[in-house]
Amino acid sequence: MEIQFLKESNLSMRSLIIWFTFLLLLCFLIIAMPHKFYLVGIVLFGLSFLLVLNHWLKLNVASILVLSILYSAPLEIMYWKIGFALRPIILVTLLGFYFVVLKYLLEGLRAHIKTKRLFILCYLLICTFLLSYFGALEPIRSIRVTILYITLFMLLFLIIQLIKEKKEFKVYLKHYMIIGVLLSLYGILQFLGWTFGFDFYGLLLSKFRSNMYNIFMLSTLGTQVFRINSFFTDCNNFAAFLNTVFPLFLAGNLYYFSIRKSKQFWIYFLGAFIVGITLILTFSRSGWMGLLAGVSVVMWDKRKQIFKAKNLRAIVLTILLLLLLIIPFYNYLSYSIEYRLVEKVSSKIHFFVMKAAWDMFLSNPITGVGIGNFGAYYGRYINPGFDYYNPHSTYLAILSETGILGFIVHMAIYLFVLKQILCFKRKTKGYESEVLGTGLLAGFVALMVANIFYQNYTFQFFFVFLGLGFVSGLVAEQKD
């Protein structure tokens, strides 16, 4: 048992060293980048570098591809506009899919029956998109969004087919948590840089400054508020990503407290604090809703453990420690959070476009106004000249663009993933169930709640999490 643990730890450490070196190399090359197509060279060089390390450290290609996906998916801000947003994760997905197809041509396709059912649903979703073309004002937009979905399904397929073993799955989830901490630390550096006058954007991301399309500075009665976005184009997307990471740390924190392992407890406590404070500093209202939902799921799952009389003193001390850490920023946080909750300008716009989405659905309830055509319809019939708006709600976006048919298939896919997560939690025990199972479940609920008042369901990090959630149910069926 101890030997197996050491092997897993060595795999994790080797992978972390590889990817830390790779990211440093990537950032160095990006700073000196002379041309937008230099991205292709960067990724190819990086993958070549990884293959050399693979030969040296004996990591298999599947591990390299999974880690490539995990570490590149959150680099949302790093894209080049060449008719569409070309991101490193897209190149990794295409390369990985090419590798998997070649492998299956040589060895034959082997997929779990649940995987086959999932991709039947994906096929049906594409069919609903094709049906929505008939009501589309701009079919070209529909075609582009359909192609985007195909790449997202390829990404989902890669994760499901490349992760086969439970022990590998556990290591990859640890990497997922490490990524959340690293991105949060960079976000905190952004906040401190803004506070003390140092430009951390210019340090690494000056080439991509134009890719930021959200408002990062809010005027609150003369006071400026900085919103953390880290490596994401949008603070709300970053908050949604952190909503899938924070519950894993929180569940781990409570689990190690219950079994009295202080070292692991403080590691997970520190991770939860870093990710949690960063999530708050995104000032994303949808992210805060997701955070509340995720914490509620964890608290409900651990209710018997939390409210034991013998744990009361430790809980009080933990709360006091958190207060001591937050007090220096209390005035800034309380003022800024209050403003975000009560300001009405953006809220009125959001509710207006959400109502517009509902009206679009009612106008064509079966197939919608066309996938990717919300903006075109809005700009022509509802608010002429403003065709760049989105509904600020995943569920209304799906309803308005693909109708009830597309909505049913979307929900079927999400519920299938939820069922797999519940299967993992039910069939495992100890750390796997109490930390990973609870964390995945709470992260899923948090992500779905956050998407009530925002939409990031077409971004790669969203599908990476869906893939991890789906895989959890497959590996849970394996015998230890």
Protein backbone atom coordinates (compact mmCIF):
# COMPACT_ATOMS: atom_id res chain seq x y z
CA MET A 1 0.00 0.00 0.00
CA GLU A 2 2.84 2.36 0.94
CA ILE A 3 4.75 1.49 -2.24
CA GLN A 4 1.66 2.23 -4.33
CA PHE A 5 1.24 5.61 -2.60
CA LEU A 6 4.89 6.46 -3.27
CA LYS A 7 4.45 5.60 -6.94
CA GLU A 8 1.41 7.87 -7.20
CA SER A 9 3.29 10.67 -5.40
CA ASN A 10 6.28 10.31 -7.71
CA LEU A 11 4.00 10.42 -10.78
CA SER A 12 2.35 13.57 -9.44
CA MET A 13 5.68 15.26 -8.61
CA ARG A 14 7.25 14.39 -11.97
CA SER A 15 4.19 15.67 -13.80
CA LEU A 16 4.19 18.88 -11.77
CA ILE A 17 7.87 19.51 -12.55
CA ILE A 18 7.23 18.91 -16.26
CA TRP A 19 4.29 21.27 -16.40
CA PHE A 20 5.84 24.01 -14.32
CA THR A 21 8.79 23.99 -16.73
CA PHE A 22 6.46 23.89 -19.72
CA LEU A 23 4.40 26.87 -18.49
CA LEU A 24 7.53 28.90 -17.80
CA LEU A 25 8.72 28.14 -21.34
CA LEU A 26 5.31 29.02 -22.75
CA CYS A 27 5.20 32.38 -20.94
CA PHE A 28 8.77 33.20 -22.03
CA LEU A 29 8.01 32.53 -25.68
CA ILE A 30 4.72 34.46 -25.51
CA ILE A 31 6.43 37.59 -24.14
CA ALA A 32 8.74 37.66 -27.17
CA MET A 33 6.07 36.62 -29.67
CA PRO A 34 6.41 38.51 -33.00
CA HIS A 35 3.44 37.09 -34.90
CA LYS A 36 -0.01 35.69 -34.10
CA PHE A 37 0.73 32.35 -35.79
CA TYR A 38 3.71 31.94 -33.47
CA LEU A 39 1.25 30.13 -31.20
CA VAL A 40 1.49 27.05 -33.40
CA GLY A 41 5.25 27.03 -33.01
CA ILE A 42 4.97 27.53 -29.25
CA VAL A 43 2.62 24.58 -28.77
CA LEU A 44 4.53 22.27 -31.11
CA PHE A 45 7.81 23.13 -29.42
CA GLY A 46 6.26 22.62 -26.00
CA LEU A 47 4.81 19.24 -26.96
CA SER A 48 8.15 18.20 -28.44
CA PHE A 49 9.81 19.22 -25.20
CA LEU A 50 7.28 17.10 -23.29
CA LEU A 51 7.91 14.10 -25.53
CA VAL A 52 11.62 14.32 -24.72
CA LEU A 53 10.81 14.42 -21.01
CA ASN A 54 8.38 11.55 -21.57
CA HIS A 55 11.22 9.41 -22.91
CA TRP A 56 13.39 10.40 -19.94
CA LEU A 57 10.79 10.12 -17.16
CA LYS A 58 8.75 7.26 -18.66
CA LEU A 59 5.40 9.07 -18.67
CA ASN A 60 2.99 7.65 -21.22
CA VAL A 61 1.42 9.70 -24.00
CA ALA A 62 -2.06 9.47 -22.47
CA SER A 63 -0.79 11.13 -19.27
CA ILE A 64 0.87 13.89 -21.27
CA LEU A 65 -2.32 14.57 -23.20
CA VAL A 66 -4.53 14.63 -20.09
CA LEU A 67 -2.13 16.97 -18.28
CA SER A 68 -1.91 19.12 -21.42
CA ILE A 69 -5.69 19.45 -21.38
CA LEU A 70 -5.89 20.21 -17.66
CA TYR A 71 -3.18 22.86 -17.70
CA SER A 72 -4.09 24.56 -20.98
CA ALA A 73 -7.90 24.69 -20.60
CA PRO A 74 -7.87 27.56 -18.04
CA LEU A 75 -5.51 29.68 -20.21
CA GLU A 76 -8.59 31.29 -21.70
CA ILE A 77 -7.04 34.70 -22.29
CA MET A 78 -4.31 33.25 -24.52
CA TYR A 79 -6.00 33.20 -27.90
CA TRP A 80 -5.46 34.62 -31.33
CA LYS A 81 -8.26 35.89 -33.54
CA ILE A 82 -7.95 34.16 -36.91
CA GLY A 83 -11.65 34.11 -37.78
CA PHE A 84 -12.24 32.33 -34.44
CA ALA A 85 -10.54 32.25 -31.06
CA LEU A 86 -7.56 29.91 -31.48
CA ARG A 87 -6.48 28.77 -28.02
CA PRO A 88 -3.72 26.32 -26.99
CA ILE A 89 -6.39 23.91 -25.71
CA ILE A 90 -7.87 23.67 -29.22
CA LEU A 91 -4.51 22.64 -30.68
CA VAL A 92 -4.01 20.13 -27.86
CA THR A 93 -7.51 18.74 -28.47
CA LEU A 94 -6.92 18.30 -32.20
CA LEU A 95 -3.52 16.70 -31.63
CA GLY A 96 -4.91 14.39 -28.93
CA PHE A 97 -7.91 13.41 -31.03
CA TYR A 98 -5.56 12.59 -33.93
CA PHE A 99 -3.51 10.38 -31.59
CA VAL A 100 -6.60 8.58 -30.23
CA VAL A 101 -8.02 8.00 -33.73
CA LEU A 102 -4.73 6.49 -34.90
CA LYS A 103 -4.65 4.30 -31.82
CA TYR A 104 -8.17 3.05 -32.45
CA LEU A 105 -7.43 2.37 -36.12
CA LEU A 106 -4.58 0.13 -34.98
CA GLU A 107 -6.21 -1.46 -31.94
CA GLY A 108 -9.95 -1.07 -32.54
CA LEU A 109 -12.46 1.13 -30.75
CA ARG A 110 -13.21 0.18 -27.17
CA ALA A 111 -15.63 2.40 -25.31
CA HIS A 112 -17.77 1.85 -22.22
CA ILE A 113 -21.50 1.48 -22.85
CA LYS A 114 -22.11 4.66 -20.82
CA THR A 115 -19.66 6.54 -23.02
CA LYS A 116 -21.53 5.38 -26.10
CA ARG A 117 -24.81 6.61 -24.60
CA LEU A 118 -23.26 9.98 -23.80
CA PHE A 119 -22.13 10.47 -27.36
CA ILE A 120 -25.51 9.46 -28.70
CA LEU A 121 -26.78 12.43 -26.69
CA CYS A 122 -24.03 14.60 -28.20
CA TYR A 123 -25.10 13.48 -31.68
CA LEU A 124 -28.73 14.31 -30.87
CA LEU A 125 -27.62 17.75 -29.69
CA ILE A 126 -25.91 18.41 -33.02
CA CYS A 127 -29.16 17.37 -34.71
CA THR A 128 -31.08 19.96 -32.68
CA PHE A 129 -28.56 22.55 -33.85
CA LEU A 130 -29.21 21.60 -37.46
CA LEU A 131 -32.93 21.94 -36.89
CA SER A 132 -32.41 25.39 -35.37
CA TYR A 133 -30.72 26.53 -38.61
CA PHE A 134 -34.16 26.88 -40.20
CA GLY A 135 -35.01 29.81 -37.91
CA ALA A 136 -31.55 31.38 -37.94
CA LEU A 137 -31.12 34.95 -39.20
CA GLU A 138 -27.39 34.32 -39.73
CA PRO A 139 -26.73 30.63 -40.54
CA ILE A 140 -22.98 31.26 -40.69
CA ARG A 141 -23.00 32.03 -36.97
CA SER A 142 -24.86 28.78 -36.36
CA ILE A 143 -22.29 26.82 -38.34
CA ARG A 144 -19.41 28.37 -36.39
CA VAL A 145 -21.01 27.57 -33.03
CA THR A 146 -21.74 24.02 -34.20
CA ILE A 147 -18.05 23.58 -35.10
CA LEU A 148 -17.14 24.91 -31.66
CA TYR A 149 -19.39 22.30 -30.05
CA ILE A 150 -17.77 19.56 -32.11
CA THR A 151 -14.35 20.55 -30.73
CA LEU A 152 -15.85 20.57 -27.22
CA PHE A 153 -17.24 17.07 -27.74
CA MET A 154 -13.81 15.97 -28.97
CA LEU A 155 -12.31 17.37 -25.76
CA LEU A 156 -14.92 15.52 -23.70
CA PHE A 157 -14.22 12.31 -25.63
CA LEU A 158 -10.47 12.63 -25.04
CA ILE A 159 -10.80 12.99 -21.28
CA ILE A 160 -13.17 10.04 -21.04
CA GLN A 161 -11.06 7.75 -23.23
CA LEU A 162 -7.66 8.69 -21.83
CA ILE A 163 -8.43 8.32 -18.11
CA LYS A 164 -8.84 4.61 -17.44
CA GLU A 165 -7.60 3.95 -13.90
CA LYS A 166 -8.93 5.22 -10.59
CA LYS A 167 -5.44 5.95 -9.25
CA GLU A 168 -4.70 8.10 -12.33
CA PHE A 169 -8.02 9.87 -11.90
CA LYS A 170 -7.14 10.78 -8.30
CA VAL A 171 -3.77 12.17 -9.41
CA TYR A 172 -5.39 14.24 -12.17
CA LEU A 173 -7.90 15.70 -9.72
CA LYS A 174 -5.00 16.76 -7.49
CA HIS A 175 -3.48 18.51 -10.49
CA TYR A 176 -6.83 20.17 -11.09
CA MET A 177 -6.75 21.53 -7.54
CA ILE A 178 -3.13 22.68 -7.92
CA ILE A 179 -4.10 24.55 -11.10
CA GLY A 180 -6.85 26.33 -9.16
CA VAL A 181 -4.36 27.42 -6.50
CA LEU A 182 -1.78 28.60 -9.06
CA LEU A 183 -4.34 30.64 -10.98
CA SER A 184 -5.66 32.07 -7.71
CA LEU A 185 -2.16 33.08 -6.59
CA TYR A 186 -1.60 34.86 -9.89
CA GLY A 187 -4.97 36.56 -9.45
CA ILE A 188 -3.96 37.73 -5.97
CA LEU A 189 -0.73 39.11 -7.46
CA GLN A 190 -2.87 41.01 -9.96
CA PHE A 191 -4.88 42.48 -7.08
CA LEU A 192 -1.77 43.41 -5.09
CA GLY A 193 -0.18 44.85 -8.22
CA TRP A 194 -3.22 47.06 -8.78
CA THR A 195 -3.16 48.08 -5.10
CA PHE A 196 0.53 48.99 -5.07
CA GLY A 197 0.87 50.21 -8.66
CA PHE A 198 2.62 47.27 -10.34
CA ASP A 199 1.27 46.01 -13.67
CA PHE A 200 1.14 42.20 -13.51
CA TYR A 201 -0.84 42.19 -16.75
CA GLY A 202 2.12 43.75 -18.50
CA LEU A 203 4.48 41.19 -16.97
CA LEU A 204 2.96 38.16 -18.71
CA LEU A 205 -0.25 39.07 -20.51
CA SER A 206 0.41 42.37 -22.29
CA LYS A 207 0.10 40.59 -25.66
CA PHE A 208 -3.43 39.55 -24.72
CA ARG A 209 -4.75 42.69 -23.05
CA SER A 210 -7.14 43.30 -25.95
CA ASN A 211 -8.71 39.87 -25.35
CA MET A 212 -10.29 41.05 -22.10
CA TYR A 213 -13.86 42.00 -22.85
CA ASN A 214 -15.37 42.29 -19.37
CA ILE A 215 -15.34 45.45 -17.22
CA PHE A 216 -12.62 45.06 -14.62
CA MET A 217 -12.86 48.45 -12.93
CA LEU A 218 -16.12 49.40 -11.25
CA SER A 219 -16.78 52.93 -10.03
CA THR A 220 -18.37 52.80 -6.58
CA LEU A 221 -19.14 56.37 -5.61
CA GLY A 222 -15.67 57.50 -6.62
CA THR A 223 -13.90 54.33 -5.46
CA GLN A 224 -12.38 51.98 -8.02
CA VAL A 225 -12.73 48.24 -7.53
CA PHE A 226 -10.41 45.78 -9.20
CA ARG A 227 -11.89 42.45 -10.32
CA ILE A 228 -9.52 39.48 -10.53
CA ASN A 229 -9.56 37.54 -13.80
CA SER A 230 -6.18 35.70 -13.69
CA PHE A 231 -5.68 33.89 -17.05
CA PHE A 232 -9.35 34.17 -18.04
CA THR A 233 -10.85 36.73 -20.39
CA ASP A 234 -13.78 37.22 -18.05
CA CYS A 235 -13.96 37.47 -14.25
CA ASN A 236 -17.23 35.53 -14.26
CA ASN A 237 -15.64 32.61 -16.11
CA PHE A 238 -12.77 32.59 -13.62
CA ALA A 239 -15.27 32.56 -10.76
CA ALA A 240 -17.14 29.65 -12.36
CA PHE A 241 -13.89 27.69 -12.68
CA LEU A 242 -13.00 28.35 -9.03
CA ASN A 243 -16.48 27.15 -8.07
CA THR A 244 -15.41 23.68 -9.25
CA VAL A 245 -12.14 23.80 -7.28
CA PHE A 246 -13.12 25.33 -3.93
CA PRO A 247 -15.48 22.49 -2.81
CA LEU A 248 -12.68 19.94 -3.27
CA PHE A 249 -10.49 21.86 -0.82
CA LEU A 250 -13.35 22.51 1.59
CA ALA A 251 -14.39 18.85 1.63
CA GLY A 252 -10.76 17.80 2.12
CA ASN A 253 -10.37 20.28 4.93
CA LEU A 254 -13.36 18.85 6.80
CA TYR A 255 -12.36 15.25 6.08
CA TYR A 256 -8.83 15.57 7.43
CA PHE A 257 -10.14 17.44 10.46
CA SER A 258 -12.48 14.54 11.22
CA ILE A 259 -9.67 11.96 11.09
CA ARG A 260 -7.28 14.27 12.99
CA LYS A 261 -4.53 14.61 10.38
CA SER A 262 -3.28 18.13 11.07
CA LYS A 263 -0.73 18.40 8.25
CA GLN A 264 -3.23 17.57 5.50
CA PHE A 265 -5.87 19.68 7.29
CA TRP A 266 -3.75 22.83 7.10
CA ILE A 267 -2.75 22.16 3.49
CA TYR A 268 -6.38 21.92 2.45
CA PHE A 269 -7.32 24.85 4.70
CA LEU A 270 -4.70 27.03 2.99
CA GLY A 271 -5.89 25.91 -0.44
CA ALA A 272 -9.52 26.64 0.46
CA PHE A 273 -8.60 30.07 1.80
CA ILE A 274 -6.55 31.06 -1.28
CA VAL A 275 -9.20 29.88 -3.75
CA GLY A 276 -12.09 31.22 -1.65
CA ILE A 277 -10.72 34.75 -1.18
CA THR A 278 -9.84 34.89 -4.88
CA LEU A 279 -13.36 33.85 -5.82
CA ILE A 280 -14.76 36.67 -3.68
CA LEU A 281 -12.37 39.17 -5.27
CA THR A 282 -13.67 38.36 -8.75
CA PHE A 283 -16.75 40.34 -7.64
CA SER A 284 -18.84 38.00 -9.78
CA ARG A 285 -22.41 37.85 -8.52
CA SER A 286 -23.05 34.62 -10.43
CA GLY A 287 -19.84 33.24 -8.92
CA TRP A 288 -20.99 34.16 -5.43
CA MET A 289 -24.28 32.35 -6.03
CA GLY A 290 -22.34 29.28 -7.14
CA LEU A 291 -20.07 29.56 -4.09
CA LEU A 292 -23.09 29.65 -1.76
CA ALA A 293 -24.61 26.63 -3.50
CA GLY A 294 -21.37 24.63 -3.41
CA VAL A 295 -20.71 25.37 0.25
CA SER A 296 -24.32 24.44 1.09
CA VAL A 297 -23.88 21.02 -0.58
CA VAL A 298 -20.66 20.34 1.36
CA MET A 299 -22.19 21.52 4.63
CA TRP A 300 -25.25 19.35 4.14
CA ASP A 301 -23.14 16.31 3.28
CA LYS A 302 -20.93 16.86 6.36
CA ARG A 303 -23.70 18.04 8.71
CA LYS A 304 -23.33 15.13 11.17
CA GLN A 305 -19.59 15.73 11.38
CA ILE A 306 -19.73 19.52 11.61
CA PHE A 307 -22.29 19.88 14.35
CA LYS A 308 -20.78 17.42 16.83
CA ALA A 309 -20.24 19.02 20.24
CA LYS A 310 -16.57 17.99 20.32
CA ASN A 311 -15.93 19.88 17.08
CA LEU A 312 -17.48 23.15 18.26
CA ARG A 313 -14.26 24.63 19.66
CA ALA A 314 -12.30 23.86 16.51
CA ILE A 315 -15.03 25.41 14.35
CA VAL A 316 -15.02 28.60 16.46
CA LEU A 317 -11.20 28.83 16.24
CA THR A 318 -11.34 28.35 12.46
CA ILE A 319 -13.91 31.12 12.10
CA LEU A 320 -11.80 33.45 14.28
CA LEU A 321 -8.72 32.69 12.17
CA LEU A 322 -10.63 33.52 8.99
CA LEU A 323 -11.85 36.77 10.53
CA LEU A 324 -8.29 37.73 11.48
CA LEU A 325 -7.17 37.13 7.90
CA ILE A 326 -10.08 39.13 6.43
CA ILE A 327 -10.21 42.07 8.89
CA PRO A 328 -7.41 44.06 7.16
CA PHE A 329 -9.53 44.10 3.99
CA TYR A 330 -12.91 44.45 5.72
CA ASN A 331 -13.71 48.03 4.72
CA TYR A 332 -12.72 47.46 1.11
CA LEU A 333 -14.56 44.15 0.80
CA SER A 334 -17.74 45.19 2.62
CA TYR A 335 -18.04 48.40 0.60
CA SER A 336 -17.32 46.71 -2.73
CA ILE A 337 -19.54 43.68 -2.11
CA GLU A 338 -22.39 45.91 -0.97
CA TYR A 339 -22.05 47.94 -4.16
CA ARG A 340 -22.07 44.83 -6.37
CA LEU A 341 -25.19 43.56 -4.65
CA VAL A 342 -27.19 46.80 -4.79
CA GLU A 343 -26.02 48.49 -8.02
CA LYS A 344 -28.82 48.48 -10.55
CA VAL A 345 -27.39 49.57 -13.92
CA SER A 346 -25.93 46.24 -15.04
CA SER A 347 -28.71 44.33 -13.25
CA LYS A 348 -31.36 46.13 -15.30
CA ILE A 349 -29.51 45.33 -18.53
CA HIS A 350 -29.13 41.67 -17.54
CA PHE A 351 -32.80 41.25 -16.68
CA PHE A 352 -33.76 43.03 -19.91
CA VAL A 353 -31.73 40.64 -22.10
CA MET A 354 -32.98 37.66 -20.08
CA LYS A 355 -36.55 38.74 -20.75
CA ALA A 356 -35.62 39.14 -24.42
CA ALA A 357 -34.31 35.54 -24.42
CA TRP A 358 -37.57 34.30 -22.97
CA ASP A 359 -39.54 36.19 -25.63
CA MET A 360 -37.35 34.60 -28.33
CA PHE A 361 -38.10 31.17 -26.92
CA LEU A 362 -41.84 31.88 -26.94
CA SER A 363 -41.61 33.05 -30.57
CA ASN A 364 -40.05 29.72 -31.64
CA PRO A 365 -40.40 27.25 -28.76
CA ILE A 366 -39.56 24.02 -30.63
CA THR A 367 -36.24 24.75 -32.38
CA GLY A 368 -35.36 28.30 -31.20
CA VAL A 369 -34.07 31.25 -33.19
CA GLY A 370 -30.91 29.41 -34.24
CA ILE A 371 -27.82 28.30 -32.35
CA GLY A 372 -25.50 31.29 -31.93
CA ASN A 373 -28.18 33.70 -33.20
CA PHE A 374 -29.31 35.36 -29.98
CA GLY A 375 -27.25 38.48 -30.76
CA ALA A 376 -28.46 38.67 -34.37
CA TYR A 377 -32.12 38.38 -33.33
CA TYR A 378 -31.67 40.81 -30.44
CA GLY A 379 -29.93 43.38 -32.64
CA ARG A 380 -32.56 43.22 -35.37
CA TYR A 381 -35.88 42.94 -33.53
CA ILE A 382 -35.39 43.97 -29.88
CA ASN A 383 -32.62 46.55 -29.59
CA PRO A 384 -31.43 47.53 -33.10
CA GLY A 385 -27.70 48.06 -33.38
CA PHE A 386 -26.80 46.01 -30.29
CA ASP A 387 -26.18 42.52 -31.64
CA TYR A 388 -23.35 41.59 -29.28
CA TYR A 389 -25.43 40.88 -26.19
CA ASN A 390 -25.95 37.44 -24.68
CA PRO A 391 -28.78 36.39 -22.34
CA HIS A 392 -26.52 36.21 -19.25
CA SER A 393 -28.04 32.83 -18.48
CA THR A 394 -27.02 29.44 -19.83
CA TYR A 395 -30.51 28.03 -19.57
CA LEU A 396 -32.22 30.97 -21.30
CA ALA A 397 -29.52 30.99 -23.97
CA ILE A 398 -30.18 27.31 -24.71
CA LEU A 399 -33.95 27.79 -24.71
CA SER A 400 -33.88 30.87 -26.94
CA GLU A 401 -31.40 29.50 -29.48
CA THR A 402 -32.28 25.80 -29.69
CA GLY A 403 -35.80 25.65 -28.28
CA ILE A 404 -37.23 22.96 -26.06
CA LEU A 405 -35.57 20.19 -28.10
CA GLY A 406 -32.07 21.52 -27.55
CA PHE A 407 -32.83 22.30 -23.91
CA ILE A 408 -33.96 18.71 -23.21
CA VAL A 409 -30.82 17.22 -24.73
CA HIS A 410 -28.54 19.68 -22.93
CA MET A 411 -30.17 18.87 -19.60
CA ALA A 412 -29.96 15.14 -20.35
CA ILE A 413 -26.18 15.47 -20.79
CA TYR A 414 -25.78 17.45 -17.56
CA LEU A 415 -27.96 15.02 -15.60
CA PHE A 416 -25.98 12.09 -17.01
CA VAL A 417 -22.78 13.65 -15.64
CA LEU A 418 -24.49 14.27 -12.27
CA LYS A 419 -25.55 10.62 -12.16
CA GLN A 420 -21.95 9.55 -12.75
CA ILE A 421 -20.68 11.77 -9.91
CA LEU A 422 -23.31 10.32 -7.56
CA CYS A 423 -22.25 6.84 -8.66
CA PHE A 424 -18.64 7.62 -7.74
CA LYS A 425 -19.62 8.97 -4.34
CA ARG A 426 -21.85 6.00 -3.63
CA LYS A 427 -19.40 3.28 -4.70
CA THR A 428 -16.28 4.67 -3.04
CA LYS A 429 -15.36 5.32 0.58
CA GLY A 430 -12.91 7.26 2.71
CA TYR A 431 -10.94 9.99 0.96
CA GLU A 432 -12.40 9.11 -2.44
CA SER A 433 -16.01 9.51 -1.36
CA GLU A 434 -15.67 12.14 1.38
CA VAL A 435 -13.31 14.49 -0.49
CA LEU A 436 -13.38 13.75 -4.21
CA GLY A 437 -17.01 12.60 -4.38
CA THR A 438 -18.37 15.42 -2.23
CA GLY A 439 -16.12 17.97 -3.93
CA LEU A 440 -17.17 16.92 -7.43
CA LEU A 441 -20.85 16.93 -6.46
CA ALA A 442 -20.65 20.37 -4.83
CA GLY A 443 -18.57 21.71 -7.72
CA PHE A 444 -21.13 20.48 -10.23
CA VAL A 445 -24.01 22.09 -8.34
CA ALA A 446 -22.03 25.32 -7.93
CA LEU A 447 -21.25 25.45 -11.66
CA MET A 448 -24.86 24.83 -12.64
CA VAL A 449 -26.14 27.48 -10.21
CA ALA A 450 -23.55 30.03 -11.38
CA ASN A 451 -24.85 29.53 -14.92
CA ILE A 452 -28.34 30.65 -13.96
CA PHE A 453 -27.21 34.27 -14.21
CA TYR A 454 -24.24 33.88 -16.53
CA GLN A 455 -23.15 31.56 -19.29
CA ASN A 456 -19.86 29.74 -19.71
CA TYR A 457 -21.22 26.45 -21.03
CA THR A 458 -19.35 26.81 -24.34
CA PHE A 459 -15.91 27.28 -22.80
CA GLN A 460 -13.33 24.52 -22.62
CA PHE A 461 -12.91 24.52 -18.82
CA PHE A 462 -16.63 23.75 -18.50
CA PHE A 463 -16.31 20.61 -20.62
CA VAL A 464 -13.10 19.57 -18.88
CA PHE A 465 -15.03 19.50 -15.59
CA LEU A 466 -17.92 17.63 -17.22
CA GLY A 467 -15.38 15.09 -18.51
CA LEU A 468 -13.84 14.60 -15.06
CA GLY A 469 -17.29 14.24 -13.55
CA PHE A 470 -18.32 11.64 -16.12
CA VAL A 471 -15.09 9.67 -15.77
CA SER A 472 -15.56 9.48 -12.01
CA GLY A 473 -18.53 7.17 -12.49
CA LEU A 474 -16.57 4.91 -14.87
CA VAL A 475 -13.54 4.47 -12.61
CA ALA A 476 -15.80 3.91 -9.60
CA GLU A 477 -16.86 0.59 -11.16
CA GLN A 478 -13.31 -0.71 -10.94
CA LYS A 479 -12.36 -3.01 -8.09
CA ASP A 480 -9.61 -1.84 -5.77
